[in-house]
Structure formats: C-alpha cells, structure tokens
Amino acid sequence: METISLFETELESFVRKYQIRYPEVITYLYDSVLVNKEYFAYAWTNDVKHFGIRTSNRVEGAHSVLKRFLGNSQGGFVECWKQMHKLHESQLTNIKAKFQQSLTFIKHHHRISDFKGLHNHVSQYALDIINKEVGRLEKSRSIAVNFCGCIIYKTYGLPCAHMIAENRMQSKPIPLSSIDSQWRQLNLVPQVASSNVVFDYLPQLQLIKTKWETSNAIGQRQIAERMSSVAIEILHPDQNNYQEPPAPVRTKGRKTTAEKKKEEQERSTNRNLSRHELADANKKVISI
C-alpha cells in the first residue's frame, strides 16, 4: 500500500470484513494503532527521506550490545564510562573499516557502466540499493516517471529506476551529484568549507606544542605515547584492541558430559606428567 488512497481503500475493505465478527479489535485498531499511522505506514513514510530507518530496531540492538559491555549493574560511574567508551571505540572501528572497504574495494556486481563514476566515492551499501533499481529496470526494460514511484529517490536520496533509464538513453553513467551527501561521506571528519590554513599551523598542533614545551620529562613521555596511539588510529583506522564481548554462557539447564569434562580439566590441580613419567607409562603398556 504505497499511496494514501490505496491505504484507505484497503482499510475500508478490512473493516467491512471484520467489523461484525471482531468489533473490539476494530475499535482498538482505530484508537491505538491508526492514530500514529503517519509514522509507520508506507503510504506516508515513502515520502520522507529516512535512509531506511523506519523502526527502533537499530536502537534496541545498540542497547543490547551496551548491556553486554556493562556485564552487570554493580559498577560505579567510572567503570560504566570506561565500558561505554570501549563500546564507542569498537563501533567506530567497524565504521572506519566499512568506509575503507568502500574506498578501496569494488564488488563484482558493481562493475557495470552505470556505476562508472561512483566507484570508491559512494558507500557500497548505497550501490547495492541502486543495483536493485538497475535490476528492476532491466526486468521491465523501460520505466516511465508515472510508473516508477521514485520511492528510492524520496526515501534514500538515490537515483530510482526511471532516472537510471534517462541516463542510459543519453549513454551516460549515474552522475555523482545525484547521490545524496549521506552516502558520499566516507570518513568521520565533518564536511567543512576549504581553508588556506597550513598543516603545520593548525591550532591543535600549536596547543600540543605549547603543552609539550611546558611539561616535564614524564609529561612529555605521556604526550608522546598519546600521539603515537593517535597516529596509529589515523594511519590504520581499522585496527584497535576493542572487541565485542562474547555472548553470555548458558547457566540454566543440565550440563552436557563434554561441558562437565571440560570444566573438570580447567579446575584440575593435577600437574602434567613429566617426560620420564610418560616414558615409563609407555614401557608398562608395551610390556603388558
């Protein structure tokens, strides 16, 4: 149901079918669900640029990961802050790795003439969405504006099937300007207007230099260590030591024989046999 008129037609048909048998359900539907239909029904959300975020699933998933990092509710403020910082660092590492992949790698199904000017300039996720529109266009061979719907353009800011068809008619690839800036941002640095500031005179570097000159030997060593870690992060954005905690171990239910055996081995205080003890044991076996 991608239009408001179609939504209302289907709703009226649904109500007529179930009004007599389930009047309470219909009342609940109107009083509790349909009052917010503009926020979840495709007939309304397809006219909003939401970049594919239509539910709270992403927030719920992030909340679940955060709880795994925190472990329990016994930590204080400092411990919670440290774990949250590790979570953010881990997420930033994953984001940087995906950015790097989009900047350096080209998928096999992206090697088409339509994407000639988009490689390594647009997110691979966005190219996958456009590729589906290309497939839709190739199935119908030609899509007019009034039959396209332009849903991908309105919701994702990406060229839809009829726009791709128009470019093909002119023997042109998809222009980079038709891609929303959301999908062209392949780094974590905000886009700002260009300036004539020389790198050596950046305010941040001047502050670090001043701090270095006013610090003692211990302070200078600490600054050097911090700058070393920052340099590694800049040069190798896909590397850090933070990993997502493993899934919680099952604590309920009866343990299997293999789990019991492994637990006994881990808790055992017996030492391993020495070399000559192993040799003596082998001699006894051979003699028997």
Protein backbone atom coordinates (compact mmCIF):
# COMPACT_ATOMS: atom_id res chain seq x y z
CA MET A 1 0.00 0.00 0.00
CA GLU A 2 2.25 2.77 -1.31
CA THR A 3 -0.34 5.54 -1.69
CA ILE A 4 -2.74 7.13 0.79
CA SER A 5 -5.79 6.41 -1.38
CA LEU A 6 -4.85 2.74 -1.69
CA PHE A 7 -4.23 2.55 2.07
CA GLU A 8 -7.67 3.97 2.84
CA THR A 9 -9.34 1.65 0.31
CA GLU A 10 -7.71 -1.44 1.79
CA LEU A 11 -8.53 -0.28 5.32
CA GLU A 12 -12.22 0.15 4.48
CA SER A 13 -12.28 -3.32 2.95
CA PHE A 14 -10.66 -4.78 6.07
CA VAL A 15 -13.13 -3.05 8.40
CA ARG A 16 -16.16 -4.22 6.40
CA LYS A 17 -14.89 -7.78 6.54
CA TYR A 18 -14.21 -7.99 10.29
CA GLN A 19 -16.38 -5.26 11.88
CA ILE A 20 -19.24 -7.60 12.82
CA ARG A 21 -17.10 -10.54 14.00
CA TYR A 22 -14.42 -8.57 15.89
CA PRO A 23 -15.77 -5.14 16.85
CA GLU A 24 -13.34 -4.78 19.81
CA VAL A 25 -10.37 -5.36 17.54
CA ILE A 26 -11.53 -2.72 15.07
CA THR A 27 -12.07 -0.24 17.91
CA TYR A 28 -8.58 -0.92 19.25
CA LEU A 29 -7.14 -0.55 15.77
CA TYR A 30 -8.60 2.93 15.34
CA ASP A 31 -7.94 4.14 18.90
CA SER A 32 -4.41 2.82 19.47
CA VAL A 33 -2.73 1.95 16.17
CA LEU A 34 -4.02 4.09 13.35
CA VAL A 35 -3.67 7.33 15.32
CA ASN A 36 0.07 7.10 14.52
CA LYS A 37 -0.21 5.65 11.02
CA GLU A 38 1.78 8.54 9.53
CA TYR A 39 4.88 7.29 11.37
CA PHE A 40 4.95 3.67 10.16
CA ALA A 41 2.61 3.15 7.17
CA TYR A 42 4.38 3.09 3.80
CA ALA A 43 1.78 5.42 2.30
CA TRP A 44 3.26 8.23 4.42
CA THR A 45 6.84 7.13 5.16
CA ASN A 46 7.60 6.67 1.45
CA ASP A 47 7.51 10.46 1.10
CA VAL A 48 10.11 11.04 3.85
CA LYS A 49 13.90 10.78 3.45
CA HIS A 50 14.56 8.32 6.28
CA PHE A 51 17.52 6.43 4.71
CA GLY A 52 15.89 3.10 5.58
CA ILE A 53 15.41 3.78 9.30
CA ARG A 54 11.69 3.20 9.90
CA THR A 55 11.78 1.33 13.24
CA SER A 56 13.67 1.43 16.54
CA ASN A 57 15.47 -1.88 15.83
CA ARG A 58 18.84 -0.15 15.49
CA VAL A 59 18.47 1.47 18.92
CA GLU A 60 17.34 -1.79 20.50
CA GLY A 61 20.34 -3.59 19.01
CA ALA A 62 22.74 -0.93 20.32
CA HIS A 63 21.14 -1.21 23.76
CA SER A 64 21.68 -4.98 23.75
CA VAL A 65 25.36 -4.59 22.86
CA LEU A 66 25.80 -1.94 25.58
CA LYS A 67 24.39 -4.32 28.19
CA ARG A 68 26.92 -6.97 27.14
CA PHE A 69 29.75 -4.46 27.60
CA LEU A 70 28.49 -3.40 31.04
CA GLY A 71 28.09 -7.01 32.16
CA ASN A 72 26.13 -6.24 35.35
CA SER A 73 24.66 -3.35 37.30
CA GLN A 74 27.26 -3.38 40.09
CA GLY A 75 29.81 -0.97 38.58
CA GLY A 76 30.18 2.67 39.50
CA PHE A 77 30.12 5.71 37.23
CA VAL A 78 33.79 5.47 36.23
CA GLU A 79 33.56 1.78 35.32
CA CYS A 80 30.37 2.35 33.31
CA TRP A 81 32.00 5.25 31.47
CA LYS A 82 35.04 3.11 30.59
CA GLN A 83 32.88 0.30 29.21
CA MET A 84 30.77 2.75 27.21
CA HIS A 85 33.96 4.29 25.82
CA LYS A 86 35.14 0.83 24.72
CA LEU A 87 31.79 0.26 23.04
CA HIS A 88 32.05 3.52 21.11
CA GLU A 89 35.64 2.78 20.09
CA SER A 90 34.60 -0.68 18.86
CA GLN A 91 31.74 0.79 16.82
CA LEU A 92 34.00 3.48 15.35
CA THR A 93 36.48 0.80 14.29
CA ASN A 94 33.75 -1.13 12.45
CA ILE A 95 32.51 2.04 10.76
CA LYS A 96 36.03 3.01 9.66
CA ALA A 97 36.62 -0.49 8.30
CA LYS A 98 33.44 -0.25 6.18
CA PHE A 99 34.48 3.20 4.96
CA GLN A 100 37.89 1.83 3.98
CA GLN A 101 36.25 -1.04 2.11
CA SER A 102 34.06 1.38 0.15
CA LEU A 103 37.13 3.50 -0.68
CA THR A 104 39.37 0.68 -1.88
CA PHE A 105 37.27 -2.32 -2.95
CA ILE A 106 34.81 -2.79 -5.84
CA LYS A 107 32.28 -5.61 -5.70
CA HIS A 108 31.90 -7.80 -8.77
CA HIS A 109 28.24 -6.89 -9.38
CA HIS A 110 29.13 -3.19 -9.12
CA ARG A 111 31.39 -3.37 -12.18
CA ILE A 112 28.76 -2.04 -14.58
CA SER A 113 28.79 1.01 -16.82
CA ASP A 114 26.07 2.74 -14.77
CA PHE A 115 28.43 2.90 -11.76
CA LYS A 116 31.45 4.16 -13.69
CA GLY A 117 31.73 7.45 -11.80
CA LEU A 118 30.62 6.12 -8.40
CA HIS A 119 33.27 3.55 -7.54
CA ASN A 120 35.20 4.41 -4.35
CA HIS A 121 33.15 7.60 -3.95
CA VAL A 122 29.86 6.15 -2.69
CA SER A 123 29.04 3.70 0.10
CA GLN A 124 28.80 0.09 -1.07
CA TYR A 125 25.51 -0.21 0.81
CA ALA A 126 24.09 2.60 -1.36
CA LEU A 127 25.42 0.93 -4.52
CA ASP A 128 23.64 -2.28 -3.51
CA ILE A 129 20.36 -0.35 -3.25
CA ILE A 130 20.89 1.28 -6.65
CA ASN A 131 21.79 -2.10 -8.13
CA LYS A 132 18.33 -3.39 -7.17
CA GLU A 133 16.81 -0.49 -9.10
CA VAL A 134 19.00 -1.45 -12.06
CA GLY A 135 17.62 -4.98 -11.84
CA ARG A 136 14.06 -3.63 -11.72
CA LEU A 137 14.77 -1.54 -14.80
CA GLU A 138 16.25 -4.46 -16.73
CA LYS A 139 13.23 -6.64 -16.00
CA SER A 140 10.82 -4.09 -17.48
CA ARG A 141 13.35 -2.61 -19.99
CA SER A 142 11.81 0.85 -19.61
CA ILE A 143 10.07 2.61 -16.72
CA ALA A 144 8.21 5.88 -17.12
CA VAL A 145 8.14 8.53 -14.42
CA ASN A 146 4.46 7.99 -13.56
CA PHE A 147 5.03 4.22 -13.10
CA CYS A 148 8.34 4.43 -11.24
CA GLY A 149 7.08 5.77 -7.92
CA CYS A 150 10.55 7.23 -7.17
CA ILE A 151 10.44 5.67 -3.70
CA ILE A 152 14.22 5.10 -3.55
CA TYR A 153 14.83 8.71 -4.53
CA LYS A 154 12.41 10.11 -1.94
CA THR A 155 13.42 7.84 0.96
CA TYR A 156 17.15 7.20 0.35
CA GLY A 157 18.21 10.13 -1.80
CA LEU A 158 19.41 7.72 -4.53
CA PRO A 159 18.54 7.59 -8.26
CA CYS A 160 15.49 5.44 -8.97
CA ALA A 161 14.78 3.23 -12.00
CA HIS A 162 13.40 5.93 -14.30
CA MET A 163 16.36 8.24 -13.56
CA ILE A 164 18.77 5.42 -14.44
CA ALA A 165 16.81 4.84 -17.65
CA GLU A 166 17.11 8.52 -18.60
CA ASN A 167 20.89 8.38 -18.11
CA ARG A 168 21.10 5.25 -20.26
CA MET A 169 19.17 6.95 -23.04
CA GLN A 170 21.89 9.62 -23.07
CA SER A 171 24.65 6.95 -22.82
CA LYS A 172 25.78 8.43 -19.52
CA PRO A 173 26.62 6.76 -16.20
CA ILE A 174 24.86 7.77 -12.99
CA PRO A 175 26.24 11.20 -12.01
CA LEU A 176 27.81 11.55 -8.59
CA SER A 177 25.73 14.68 -7.98
CA SER A 178 22.54 12.57 -7.99
CA ILE A 179 23.72 10.74 -4.85
CA ASP A 180 22.74 12.28 -1.52
CA SER A 181 25.72 13.50 0.54
CA GLN A 182 24.76 10.95 3.22
CA TRP A 183 26.18 8.18 1.01
CA ARG A 184 29.25 10.15 -0.13
CA GLN A 185 30.55 10.74 3.40
CA LEU A 186 33.21 8.02 3.68
CA ASN A 187 35.09 9.37 6.71
CA LEU A 188 34.28 10.62 10.19
CA VAL A 189 35.51 14.16 9.55
CA PRO A 190 32.61 16.59 9.06
CA GLN A 191 32.47 18.33 5.69
CA VAL A 192 33.59 21.96 6.05
CA ALA A 193 34.48 24.69 3.64
CA SER A 194 38.05 24.61 2.38
CA SER A 195 40.53 26.91 4.11
CA ASN A 196 44.07 28.11 3.46
CA VAL A 197 45.40 27.00 6.87
CA VAL A 198 48.79 25.29 6.53
CA PHE A 199 49.03 21.91 8.26
CA ASP A 200 51.99 22.97 10.42
CA TYR A 201 49.97 25.85 11.86
CA LEU A 202 46.77 24.06 12.78
CA PRO A 203 45.53 25.31 16.18
CA GLN A 204 45.50 21.77 17.56
CA LEU A 205 49.17 21.24 16.74
CA GLN A 206 50.08 24.57 18.28
CA LEU A 207 48.30 23.62 21.51
CA ILE A 208 50.12 20.28 21.63
CA LYS A 209 53.44 22.04 21.03
CA THR A 210 52.75 24.51 23.85
CA LYS A 211 51.79 21.67 26.20
CA TRP A 212 54.99 19.82 25.27
CA GLU A 213 57.21 22.80 25.96
CA THR A 214 55.65 23.46 29.38
CA SER A 215 55.71 19.82 30.55
CA ASN A 216 58.43 17.92 32.41
CA ALA A 217 60.06 14.71 31.16
CA ILE A 218 57.24 12.48 32.44
CA GLY A 219 54.58 14.71 30.86
CA GLN A 220 56.43 14.78 27.53
CA ARG A 221 56.65 10.98 27.55
CA GLN A 222 52.90 10.71 28.17
CA ILE A 223 52.19 13.16 25.33
CA ALA A 224 54.42 11.11 23.01
CA GLU A 225 52.55 7.92 23.90
CA ARG A 226 49.18 9.55 23.28
CA MET A 227 50.32 11.00 19.94
CA SER A 228 51.65 7.58 18.95
CA SER A 229 48.25 5.98 19.57
CA VAL A 230 46.52 8.79 17.64
CA ALA A 231 48.93 8.33 14.72
CA ILE A 232 48.17 4.60 14.62
CA GLU A 233 44.43 5.34 14.63
CA ILE A 234 44.80 7.79 11.72
CA LEU A 235 47.09 5.57 9.63
CA HIS A 236 45.30 2.30 10.44
CA PRO A 237 41.65 3.16 11.22
CA ASP A 238 40.53 -0.49 11.01
CA GLN A 239 42.69 -1.61 13.96
CA ASN A 240 42.18 -1.37 17.72
CA ASN A 241 42.11 -3.70 20.69
CA TYR A 242 38.42 -3.41 21.49
CA GLN A 243 36.29 -6.42 20.68
CA GLU A 244 32.63 -7.04 21.34
CA PRO A 245 32.16 -9.29 24.40
CA PRO A 246 31.16 -12.88 23.67
CA ALA A 247 27.57 -13.98 24.04
CA PRO A 248 26.64 -14.91 27.63
CA VAL A 249 27.27 -18.52 28.61
CA ARG A 250 24.22 -20.67 29.27
CA THR A 251 23.79 -21.00 33.04
CA LYS A 252 20.45 -22.83 33.23
CA GLY A 253 19.72 -26.42 32.40
CA ARG A 254 21.74 -29.59 32.83
CA LYS A 255 25.32 -29.53 31.58
CA THR A 256 26.37 -31.99 28.90
CA THR A 257 29.05 -34.61 29.51
CA ALA A 258 31.53 -32.70 27.32
CA GLU A 259 30.90 -29.48 29.29
CA LYS A 260 31.41 -31.29 32.61
CA LYS A 261 34.65 -32.88 31.39
CA LYS A 262 35.99 -29.57 30.11
CA GLU A 263 35.11 -27.84 33.38
CA GLU A 264 36.89 -30.58 35.40
CA GLN A 265 40.01 -30.22 33.27
CA GLU A 266 40.04 -26.43 33.73
CA ARG A 267 39.63 -26.72 37.51
CA SER A 268 42.06 -29.63 37.94
CA THR A 269 45.08 -29.02 40.16
CA ASN A 270 46.97 -32.12 38.97
CA ARG A 271 50.21 -31.38 37.19
CA ASN A 272 51.06 -32.78 33.77
CA LEU A 273 53.23 -35.87 33.65
CA SER A 274 56.94 -35.28 33.11
CA ARG A 275 58.87 -36.71 30.19
CA HIS A 276 60.33 -39.69 32.07
CA GLU A 277 56.92 -40.49 33.65
CA LEU A 278 55.35 -40.64 30.21
CA ALA A 279 58.18 -42.89 29.02
CA ASP A 280 57.70 -45.24 32.00
CA ALA A 281 53.96 -45.41 31.34
CA ASN A 282 54.59 -46.32 27.71
CA LYS A 283 57.06 -49.08 28.73
CA LYS A 284 54.45 -50.61 31.05
CA VAL A 285 51.89 -50.66 28.27
CA ILE A 286 54.34 -52.29 25.85
CA SER A 287 55.41 -54.91 28.39
CA ILE A 288 51.79 -55.86 29.09
